[in-house]
Every structure is written in C-alpha cells, then in structure tokens.
Amino acid sequence: MSASTVLIIDDDPLMREFVEEAMRRRGCVVDSAAAGREGLDLFVEKNHEVVISDLKMTPMDGLAVLREVRRQNNDAQVIIMTGYATVETAVEALKNGAADYLLKPFTPDAINVAVDRALERTRLGRENVYL
C-alpha cells in the first residue's frame, strides 16, 4: 500500500512544522504551504488525499480553501484546525464538507485520529463506487 499524501496549509510556521512532523512520523508524504493560494496550487499539482488547513488566514481563509478543494476533487478530505473556534464556523465547515474540525492546541494523537477518519471516509467512498 502506498503512503498517504497530506497537504498542510497554515500561516503559523510552528504549527505547520508540528503537523508536518506528526504526518511524517505516520509515514505520510507531506507538502506544506504558508498561505491558502499557495496550498491550492500545490493541491492542483499533486492532488493530495488529505488537506489540513488553518481556519484563520489572509487573504484566503480555511473555509475558502475547503470550498475550492471540494470543487477541485470531491474525494479529497479536508480537516480544518483553528484556535478561534465558534459554533458557526464549525457548522459552516462541516456543511461545506470538512472531514473534521480540530481545536488548537491538539496532540499528535488527535491529528492522527482525524487523519485516520478522513482516510477511512475516502476508502469507504471508493468502495461504494466499486460496489
């Protein structure tokens, strides 16, 4: 089985490096970007299975990244992470197809569980298409 591909988009370099390291330790192929547009360019180029994006970024926030990723590839799973959670943003993210919504700070185990669930959703979707 090939390694899962993960794209991390966060304007905070420490958080981006933290998530990158957690994903590398689980054996994922990882790309990262410091801004939404840069991340979407990488996504179009490499078609990652999972995108982990910060919510609060400028000029393109995580919800705009989510909508564009879903438009480009409906199979890709997007996990939104934020230190500024509100019920409204959580509901909007999930209504727009986010696989998960994580509150910062989180542990490596928490991000691993979210990625496991996202990859399982992808596997089940592919299995349903096959059947």
N, C-alpha and C. Protein backbone atom coordinates (compact mmCIF):
# COMPACT_ATOMS: atom_id res chain seq x y z
N MET A 1 0.84 -1.18 0.00
CA MET A 1 0.00 0.00 0.00
C MET A 1 0.89 1.24 0.00
N SER A 2 0.55 2.22 -0.80
CA SER A 2 1.37 3.43 -0.90
C SER A 2 1.06 4.38 0.26
N ALA A 3 2.00 5.26 0.53
CA ALA A 3 1.85 6.22 1.61
C ALA A 3 0.77 7.24 1.26
N SER A 4 0.03 7.65 2.26
CA SER A 4 -0.99 8.67 2.08
C SER A 4 -0.33 10.02 1.82
N THR A 5 -0.99 10.85 1.02
CA THR A 5 -0.46 12.17 0.71
C THR A 5 -1.26 13.23 1.47
N VAL A 6 -0.53 14.10 2.17
CA VAL A 6 -1.15 15.10 3.02
C VAL A 6 -0.57 16.47 2.69
N LEU A 7 -1.46 17.46 2.61
CA LEU A 7 -1.08 18.85 2.41
C LEU A 7 -1.47 19.64 3.65
N ILE A 8 -0.53 20.38 4.20
CA ILE A 8 -0.77 21.20 5.38
C ILE A 8 -0.68 22.67 4.97
N ILE A 9 -1.73 23.43 5.31
CA ILE A 9 -1.76 24.86 5.00
C ILE A 9 -1.99 25.62 6.29
N ASP A 10 -0.97 26.37 6.70
CA ASP A 10 -1.08 27.17 7.93
C ASP A 10 -0.07 28.30 7.86
N ASP A 11 -0.51 29.51 8.21
CA ASP A 11 0.40 30.65 8.18
C ASP A 11 1.31 30.73 9.40
N ASP A 12 1.08 29.87 10.40
CA ASP A 12 1.93 29.80 11.59
C ASP A 12 3.00 28.73 11.36
N PRO A 13 4.27 29.14 11.20
CA PRO A 13 5.31 28.15 10.88
C PRO A 13 5.49 27.07 11.95
N LEU A 14 5.32 27.41 13.22
CA LEU A 14 5.48 26.39 14.27
C LEU A 14 4.38 25.33 14.21
N MET A 15 3.16 25.75 13.99
CA MET A 15 2.05 24.79 13.87
C MET A 15 2.22 23.94 12.62
N ARG A 16 2.62 24.58 11.52
CA ARG A 16 2.82 23.86 10.26
C ARG A 16 3.89 22.79 10.45
N GLU A 17 5.00 23.13 11.10
CA GLU A 17 6.07 22.16 11.33
C GLU A 17 5.63 21.04 12.27
N PHE A 18 4.84 21.38 13.28
CA PHE A 18 4.32 20.38 14.22
C PHE A 18 3.47 19.34 13.49
N VAL A 19 2.55 19.80 12.64
CA VAL A 19 1.67 18.88 11.92
C VAL A 19 2.48 18.11 10.86
N GLU A 20 3.41 18.78 10.19
CA GLU A 20 4.28 18.09 9.22
C GLU A 20 4.99 16.91 9.89
N GLU A 21 5.58 17.17 11.05
CA GLU A 21 6.33 16.12 11.75
C GLU A 21 5.41 14.97 12.16
N ALA A 22 4.22 15.28 12.65
CA ALA A 22 3.27 14.23 13.03
C ALA A 22 2.90 13.37 11.83
N MET A 23 2.71 14.00 10.67
CA MET A 23 2.33 13.26 9.47
C MET A 23 3.50 12.44 8.93
N ARG A 24 4.69 12.99 8.98
CA ARG A 24 5.86 12.22 8.53
C ARG A 24 6.09 10.99 9.41
N ARG A 25 5.89 11.15 10.71
CA ARG A 25 6.07 10.02 11.63
C ARG A 25 5.08 8.90 11.36
N ARG A 26 3.92 9.23 10.82
CA ARG A 26 2.95 8.18 10.49
C ARG A 26 3.18 7.63 9.09
N GLY A 27 4.21 8.14 8.39
CA GLY A 27 4.57 7.59 7.09
C GLY A 27 3.94 8.26 5.90
N CYS A 28 3.35 9.42 6.11
CA CYS A 28 2.70 10.15 5.01
C CYS A 28 3.72 10.91 4.16
N VAL A 29 3.38 11.12 2.91
CA VAL A 29 4.11 12.02 2.05
C VAL A 29 3.49 13.40 2.29
N VAL A 30 4.31 14.37 2.70
CA VAL A 30 3.80 15.65 3.18
C VAL A 30 4.29 16.81 2.33
N ASP A 31 3.37 17.71 2.00
CA ASP A 31 3.68 19.01 1.41
C ASP A 31 3.07 20.05 2.33
N SER A 32 3.63 21.26 2.31
CA SER A 32 3.05 22.30 3.15
C SER A 32 3.14 23.65 2.47
N ALA A 33 2.27 24.54 2.92
CA ALA A 33 2.20 25.89 2.37
C ALA A 33 1.85 26.85 3.50
N ALA A 34 2.30 28.11 3.35
CA ALA A 34 2.06 29.13 4.36
C ALA A 34 0.82 29.97 4.07
N ALA A 35 0.18 29.74 2.93
CA ALA A 35 -1.00 30.54 2.56
C ALA A 35 -1.95 29.69 1.73
N GLY A 36 -3.22 30.11 1.73
CA GLY A 36 -4.26 29.37 1.03
C GLY A 36 -4.01 29.20 -0.45
N ARG A 37 -3.69 30.27 -1.15
CA ARG A 37 -3.48 30.19 -2.61
C ARG A 37 -2.30 29.29 -2.94
N GLU A 38 -1.21 29.44 -2.20
CA GLU A 38 -0.02 28.59 -2.39
C GLU A 38 -0.38 27.12 -2.17
N GLY A 39 -1.18 26.85 -1.14
CA GLY A 39 -1.60 25.49 -0.86
C GLY A 39 -2.48 24.92 -1.95
N LEU A 40 -3.40 25.73 -2.47
CA LEU A 40 -4.27 25.26 -3.55
C LEU A 40 -3.48 24.96 -4.81
N ASP A 41 -2.45 25.77 -5.08
CA ASP A 41 -1.59 25.49 -6.24
C ASP A 41 -0.91 24.12 -6.08
N LEU A 42 -0.42 23.82 -4.88
CA LEU A 42 0.18 22.51 -4.62
C LEU A 42 -0.87 21.40 -4.74
N PHE A 43 -2.07 21.65 -4.25
CA PHE A 43 -3.13 20.66 -4.32
C PHE A 43 -3.47 20.32 -5.77
N VAL A 44 -3.59 21.34 -6.61
CA VAL A 44 -3.89 21.11 -8.03
C VAL A 44 -2.76 20.32 -8.68
N GLU A 45 -1.54 20.63 -8.30
CA GLU A 45 -0.37 19.96 -8.89
C GLU A 45 -0.26 18.50 -8.46
N LYS A 46 -0.54 18.21 -7.18
CA LYS A 46 -0.25 16.88 -6.64
C LYS A 46 -1.47 16.08 -6.20
N ASN A 47 -2.65 16.71 -6.10
CA ASN A 47 -3.89 16.01 -5.77
C ASN A 47 -3.79 15.17 -4.49
N HIS A 48 -3.57 15.82 -3.36
CA HIS A 48 -3.41 15.16 -2.07
C HIS A 48 -4.71 14.49 -1.62
N GLU A 49 -4.56 13.44 -0.83
CA GLU A 49 -5.72 12.74 -0.28
C GLU A 49 -6.35 13.52 0.87
N VAL A 50 -5.50 14.14 1.69
CA VAL A 50 -5.97 14.88 2.87
C VAL A 50 -5.33 16.27 2.86
N VAL A 51 -6.16 17.28 3.12
CA VAL A 51 -5.68 18.65 3.29
C VAL A 51 -6.01 19.06 4.72
N ILE A 52 -5.00 19.54 5.44
CA ILE A 52 -5.18 20.03 6.79
C ILE A 52 -4.92 21.53 6.74
N SER A 53 -5.97 22.32 6.95
CA SER A 53 -5.86 23.76 6.78
C SER A 53 -6.27 24.53 8.02
N ASP A 54 -5.52 25.58 8.30
CA ASP A 54 -5.89 26.52 9.35
C ASP A 54 -7.14 27.27 8.90
N LEU A 55 -7.96 27.69 9.83
CA LEU A 55 -9.16 28.44 9.51
C LEU A 55 -8.86 29.91 9.28
N LYS A 56 -8.11 30.53 10.19
CA LYS A 56 -7.87 31.98 10.14
C LYS A 56 -6.56 32.28 9.41
N MET A 57 -6.68 32.62 8.15
CA MET A 57 -5.54 33.05 7.33
C MET A 57 -6.03 34.18 6.43
N THR A 58 -5.10 34.98 5.96
CA THR A 58 -5.45 36.03 5.00
C THR A 58 -4.52 35.88 3.80
N PRO A 59 -4.92 36.25 2.64
CA PRO A 59 -6.24 36.75 2.27
C PRO A 59 -7.27 35.64 2.06
N MET A 60 -6.85 34.39 1.96
CA MET A 60 -7.78 33.27 1.75
C MET A 60 -7.85 32.43 3.02
N ASP A 61 -9.04 32.37 3.63
CA ASP A 61 -9.17 31.61 4.88
C ASP A 61 -9.41 30.13 4.60
N GLY A 62 -9.45 29.36 5.68
CA GLY A 62 -9.61 27.92 5.55
C GLY A 62 -10.92 27.47 4.94
N LEU A 63 -11.99 28.24 5.16
CA LEU A 63 -13.27 27.86 4.55
C LEU A 63 -13.23 28.03 3.03
N ALA A 64 -12.53 29.07 2.55
CA ALA A 64 -12.36 29.24 1.10
C ALA A 64 -11.50 28.12 0.53
N VAL A 65 -10.46 27.72 1.27
CA VAL A 65 -9.63 26.59 0.85
C VAL A 65 -10.49 25.32 0.78
N LEU A 66 -11.30 25.09 1.80
CA LEU A 66 -12.18 23.93 1.83
C LEU A 66 -13.09 23.89 0.61
N ARG A 67 -13.77 25.00 0.33
CA ARG A 67 -14.69 25.03 -0.82
C ARG A 67 -13.96 24.76 -2.13
N GLU A 68 -12.77 25.32 -2.29
CA GLU A 68 -12.02 25.14 -3.54
C GLU A 68 -11.50 23.71 -3.67
N VAL A 69 -11.03 23.13 -2.59
CA VAL A 69 -10.57 21.73 -2.63
C VAL A 69 -11.73 20.82 -2.99
N ARG A 70 -12.89 21.03 -2.37
CA ARG A 70 -14.06 20.20 -2.67
C ARG A 70 -14.49 20.38 -4.13
N ARG A 71 -14.36 21.60 -4.66
CA ARG A 71 -14.71 21.85 -6.05
C ARG A 71 -13.74 21.13 -6.99
N GLN A 72 -12.47 21.14 -6.65
CA GLN A 72 -11.44 20.52 -7.49
C GLN A 72 -11.50 18.99 -7.45
N ASN A 73 -11.74 18.44 -6.24
CA ASN A 73 -11.70 16.99 -6.07
C ASN A 73 -12.60 16.61 -4.91
N ASN A 74 -13.77 16.11 -5.21
CA ASN A 74 -14.74 15.80 -4.18
C ASN A 74 -14.32 14.63 -3.30
N ASP A 75 -13.32 13.85 -3.71
CA ASP A 75 -12.83 12.74 -2.89
C ASP A 75 -11.84 13.18 -1.83
N ALA A 76 -11.18 14.31 -2.03
CA ALA A 76 -10.18 14.78 -1.08
C ALA A 76 -10.86 15.14 0.24
N GLN A 77 -10.20 14.81 1.32
CA GLN A 77 -10.73 15.09 2.66
C GLN A 77 -10.02 16.32 3.23
N VAL A 78 -10.79 17.22 3.83
CA VAL A 78 -10.23 18.45 4.39
C VAL A 78 -10.50 18.48 5.89
N ILE A 79 -9.44 18.70 6.64
CA ILE A 79 -9.54 18.87 8.09
C ILE A 79 -9.23 20.33 8.39
N ILE A 80 -10.14 20.99 9.09
CA ILE A 80 -9.95 22.39 9.47
C ILE A 80 -9.44 22.43 10.91
N MET A 81 -8.40 23.23 11.14
CA MET A 81 -7.89 23.41 12.50
C MET A 81 -7.94 24.90 12.84
N THR A 82 -8.24 25.19 14.10
CA THR A 82 -8.35 26.58 14.50
C THR A 82 -8.13 26.78 15.99
N GLY A 83 -7.63 27.94 16.31
CA GLY A 83 -7.54 28.37 17.70
C GLY A 83 -8.67 29.30 18.05
N TYR A 84 -9.54 29.58 17.08
CA TYR A 84 -10.64 30.54 17.24
C TYR A 84 -11.97 29.89 16.90
N ALA A 85 -12.28 28.82 17.58
CA ALA A 85 -13.49 28.05 17.24
C ALA A 85 -14.76 28.76 17.70
N THR A 86 -15.74 28.71 16.82
CA THR A 86 -17.10 29.12 17.17
C THR A 86 -18.04 28.05 16.62
N VAL A 87 -19.22 28.00 17.18
CA VAL A 87 -20.20 27.05 16.68
C VAL A 87 -20.50 27.33 15.21
N GLU A 88 -20.58 28.61 14.85
CA GLU A 88 -20.92 28.99 13.48
C GLU A 88 -19.87 28.50 12.48
N THR A 89 -18.57 28.68 12.80
CA THR A 89 -17.54 28.24 11.85
C THR A 89 -17.48 26.72 11.79
N ALA A 90 -17.71 26.06 12.92
CA ALA A 90 -17.71 24.59 12.90
C ALA A 90 -18.84 24.07 12.03
N VAL A 91 -20.02 24.63 12.20
CA VAL A 91 -21.17 24.20 11.40
C VAL A 91 -20.93 24.50 9.93
N GLU A 92 -20.42 25.69 9.62
CA GLU A 92 -20.16 26.03 8.22
C GLU A 92 -19.12 25.10 7.60
N ALA A 93 -18.06 24.80 8.34
CA ALA A 93 -17.03 23.89 7.82
C ALA A 93 -17.61 22.52 7.53
N LEU A 94 -18.37 21.99 8.46
CA LEU A 94 -18.94 20.66 8.27
C LEU A 94 -19.99 20.64 7.17
N LYS A 95 -20.80 21.71 7.06
CA LYS A 95 -21.78 21.79 5.98
C LYS A 95 -21.11 21.85 4.61
N ASN A 96 -19.91 22.44 4.56
CA ASN A 96 -19.18 22.53 3.30
C ASN A 96 -18.32 21.30 3.02
N GLY A 97 -18.44 20.27 3.86
CA GLY A 97 -17.77 19.00 3.56
C GLY A 97 -16.48 18.73 4.30
N ALA A 98 -16.17 19.48 5.34
CA ALA A 98 -14.95 19.19 6.11
C ALA A 98 -15.08 17.82 6.77
N ALA A 99 -13.98 17.09 6.76
CA ALA A 99 -13.96 15.76 7.38
C ALA A 99 -13.89 15.88 8.90
N ASP A 100 -13.26 16.96 9.38
CA ASP A 100 -13.11 17.15 10.82
C ASP A 100 -12.80 18.61 11.10
N TYR A 101 -12.90 18.97 12.37
CA TYR A 101 -12.71 20.34 12.83
C TYR A 101 -11.96 20.23 14.15
N LEU A 102 -10.68 20.61 14.17
CA LEU A 102 -9.84 20.44 15.36
C LEU A 102 -9.55 21.78 16.02
N LEU A 103 -9.59 21.78 17.35
CA LEU A 103 -9.27 22.97 18.12
C LEU A 103 -7.80 22.95 18.51
N LYS A 104 -7.10 24.04 18.23
CA LYS A 104 -5.71 24.18 18.65
C LYS A 104 -5.69 24.60 20.12
N PRO A 105 -4.74 24.18 20.88
CA PRO A 105 -3.70 23.21 20.54
C PRO A 105 -4.23 21.79 20.63
N PHE A 106 -3.65 20.91 19.85
CA PHE A 106 -4.04 19.50 19.88
C PHE A 106 -2.79 18.65 19.92
N THR A 107 -2.96 17.39 20.26
CA THR A 107 -1.83 16.47 20.37
C THR A 107 -1.59 15.78 19.02
N PRO A 108 -0.43 15.18 18.85
CA PRO A 108 -0.21 14.37 17.65
C PRO A 108 -1.24 13.24 17.53
N ASP A 109 -1.64 12.68 18.65
CA ASP A 109 -2.66 11.62 18.61
C ASP A 109 -3.98 12.14 18.05
N ALA A 110 -4.37 13.35 18.42
CA ALA A 110 -5.63 13.92 17.93
C ALA A 110 -5.60 14.12 16.43
N ILE A 111 -4.50 14.63 15.90
CA ILE A 111 -4.42 14.85 14.44
C ILE A 111 -4.34 13.50 13.72
N ASN A 112 -3.69 12.52 14.33
CA ASN A 112 -3.64 11.19 13.72
C ASN A 112 -5.01 10.54 13.66
N VAL A 113 -5.81 10.69 14.69
CA VAL A 113 -7.17 10.15 14.70
C VAL A 113 -8.00 10.83 13.61
N ALA A 114 -7.87 12.16 13.49
CA ALA A 114 -8.62 12.89 12.46
C ALA A 114 -8.22 12.43 11.07
N VAL A 115 -6.94 12.23 10.84
CA VAL A 115 -6.46 11.77 9.52
C VAL A 115 -6.92 10.33 9.27
N ASP A 116 -6.89 9.48 10.29
CA ASP A 116 -7.39 8.11 10.13
C ASP A 116 -8.86 8.12 9.68
N ARG A 117 -9.68 8.95 10.35
CA ARG A 117 -11.10 9.03 9.98
C ARG A 117 -11.26 9.56 8.56
N ALA A 118 -10.47 10.55 8.20
CA ALA A 118 -10.57 11.12 6.85
C ALA A 118 -10.20 10.08 5.80
N LEU A 119 -9.14 9.35 6.03
CA LEU A 119 -8.72 8.32 5.07
C LEU A 119 -9.74 7.18 5.00
N GLU A 120 -10.37 6.87 6.12
CA GLU A 120 -11.41 5.84 6.13
C GLU A 120 -12.62 6.30 5.30
N ARG A 121 -12.97 7.58 5.40
CA ARG A 121 -14.06 8.11 4.57
C ARG A 121 -13.73 7.96 3.09
N THR A 122 -12.49 8.24 2.73
CA THR A 122 -12.07 8.10 1.34
C THR A 122 -12.17 6.64 0.91
N ARG A 123 -11.69 5.73 1.75
CA ARG A 123 -11.73 4.30 1.43
C ARG A 123 -13.16 3.82 1.26
N LEU A 124 -14.04 4.23 2.16
CA LEU A 124 -15.44 3.82 2.06
C LEU A 124 -16.11 4.39 0.82
N GLY A 125 -15.79 5.63 0.48
CA GLY A 125 -16.34 6.22 -0.74
C GLY A 125 -15.91 5.47 -1.98
N ARG A 126 -14.64 5.10 -2.04
CA ARG A 126 -14.13 4.34 -3.19
C ARG A 126 -14.77 2.96 -3.25
N GLU A 127 -14.94 2.33 -2.07
CA GLU A 127 -15.56 1.02 -2.01
C GLU A 127 -17.01 1.07 -2.49
N ASN A 128 -17.73 2.12 -2.11
CA ASN A 128 -19.12 2.28 -2.55
C ASN A 128 -19.20 2.45 -4.06
N VAL A 129 -18.29 3.21 -4.62
CA VAL A 129 -18.27 3.39 -6.08
C VAL A 129 -17.99 2.05 -6.76
N TYR A 130 -17.05 1.29 -6.20
CA TYR A 130 -16.70 -0.01 -6.77
C TYR A 130 -17.89 -0.96 -6.73
N LEU A 131 -18.62 -0.96 -5.61
CA LEU A 131 -19.77 -1.88 -5.47
C LEU A 131 -20.92 -1.42 -6.32
